[in-house]
Each structure stands twice: as C-alpha cells, then as structure tokens.
Protein backbone atom coordinates (compact mmCIF):
# COMPACT_ATOMS: atom_id res chain seq x y z
CA MET A 1 -29.97 78.76 -78.01
CA GLU A 2 -30.14 79.05 -81.55
CA THR A 3 -26.67 79.10 -83.54
CA THR A 4 -26.51 81.46 -86.43
CA LYS A 5 -23.99 81.39 -89.20
CA GLU A 6 -21.71 84.38 -90.03
CA ASN A 7 -21.71 85.73 -93.52
CA LEU A 8 -18.35 87.08 -95.01
CA GLY A 9 -17.89 88.89 -98.10
CA ILE A 10 -14.48 88.83 -99.64
CA ILE A 11 -12.77 91.05 -102.11
CA VAL A 12 -10.14 89.43 -104.27
CA PRO A 13 -7.89 91.81 -106.08
CA ALA A 14 -6.69 90.14 -109.50
CA TYR A 15 -3.91 91.40 -111.61
CA ASN A 16 -2.52 88.62 -114.17
CA GLU A 17 -3.31 85.94 -111.84
CA GLU A 18 -3.98 83.56 -114.53
CA LYS A 19 -1.95 80.73 -112.78
CA THR A 20 -3.82 81.06 -109.54
CA ILE A 21 -7.12 82.60 -109.79
CA SER A 22 -8.96 79.35 -110.16
CA GLN A 23 -7.19 77.69 -107.03
CA VAL A 24 -8.26 80.68 -104.89
CA LEU A 25 -11.74 80.60 -106.04
CA ASP A 26 -12.12 76.78 -105.55
CA GLN A 27 -10.92 77.16 -102.09
CA ILE A 28 -13.16 80.20 -101.09
CA LEU A 29 -16.47 79.25 -102.90
CA PRO A 30 -17.66 76.20 -101.13
CA LEU A 31 -17.09 77.78 -97.76
CA ASP A 32 -20.61 77.96 -96.08
CA PHE A 33 -19.67 81.13 -93.97
CA VAL A 34 -18.78 82.96 -97.34
CA SER A 35 -21.66 84.68 -98.86
CA GLN A 36 -20.18 86.97 -101.41
CA VAL A 37 -16.92 86.97 -103.32
CA ILE A 38 -16.00 90.25 -105.16
CA ILE A 39 -13.15 90.00 -107.54
CA VAL A 40 -11.70 93.21 -108.98
CA ASP A 41 -10.02 92.49 -112.30
CA ASP A 42 -7.37 95.71 -112.53
CA ALA A 43 -6.95 95.23 -116.29
CA SER A 44 -5.14 92.01 -116.61
CA THR A 45 -3.33 91.37 -119.62
CA ASP A 46 -3.08 87.46 -119.29
CA GLY A 47 -6.06 85.10 -119.37
CA THR A 48 -7.46 86.23 -115.86
CA SER A 49 -10.44 87.56 -117.47
CA ASP A 50 -11.32 84.49 -119.36
CA ILE A 51 -11.01 82.36 -116.54
CA LEU A 52 -13.20 84.74 -114.31
CA ASN A 53 -15.88 84.70 -117.23
CA SER A 54 -16.03 80.86 -116.85
CA TYR A 55 -17.30 80.94 -113.43
CA GLU A 56 -20.97 81.23 -113.04
CA HIS A 57 -21.73 81.16 -109.28
CA PRO A 58 -24.33 83.17 -107.39
CA LYS A 59 -21.73 84.08 -104.54
CA ILE A 60 -19.34 85.79 -107.46
CA GLU A 61 -19.50 89.52 -108.61
CA ILE A 62 -16.68 90.63 -111.16
CA ILE A 63 -15.62 94.10 -111.33
CA LYS A 64 -13.37 94.82 -114.15
CA LYS A 65 -11.40 98.00 -114.30
C-alpha cells in the first residue's frame, strides 16, 4: 500500500501583525503537508507589509487589500 501526503492550503488573515507574522510563517512554512499559504494583508498600517515582502517562498501568495 502506498502512502500519500495530504496537501493543505492555509489562509492567514493579517492586519497590523508586525509583532507576530514572522513567528506564524516560520511555524507554518516548514510543514511538509502545507502546500500553499495565502496571506491576506488587510491594509495594515504597521510594518506587516514590509515583513511579508521580505519572504520569498514558493508556498506563499500575498493578497493586499
């Protein structure tokens, strides 16, 4: 019997999460079963957008509102 890995997409809402967004992504991205991370930055007014822009990872898609 062949074992297959499940693929999971995760949506991360982010509004003014400058203090926590790196911790969240650093926990999620290494997981083998996570195939996509969609981050929705809802017009953050702190440094959240700058932090997100620094991440270059094939699993990440950033949506800015």
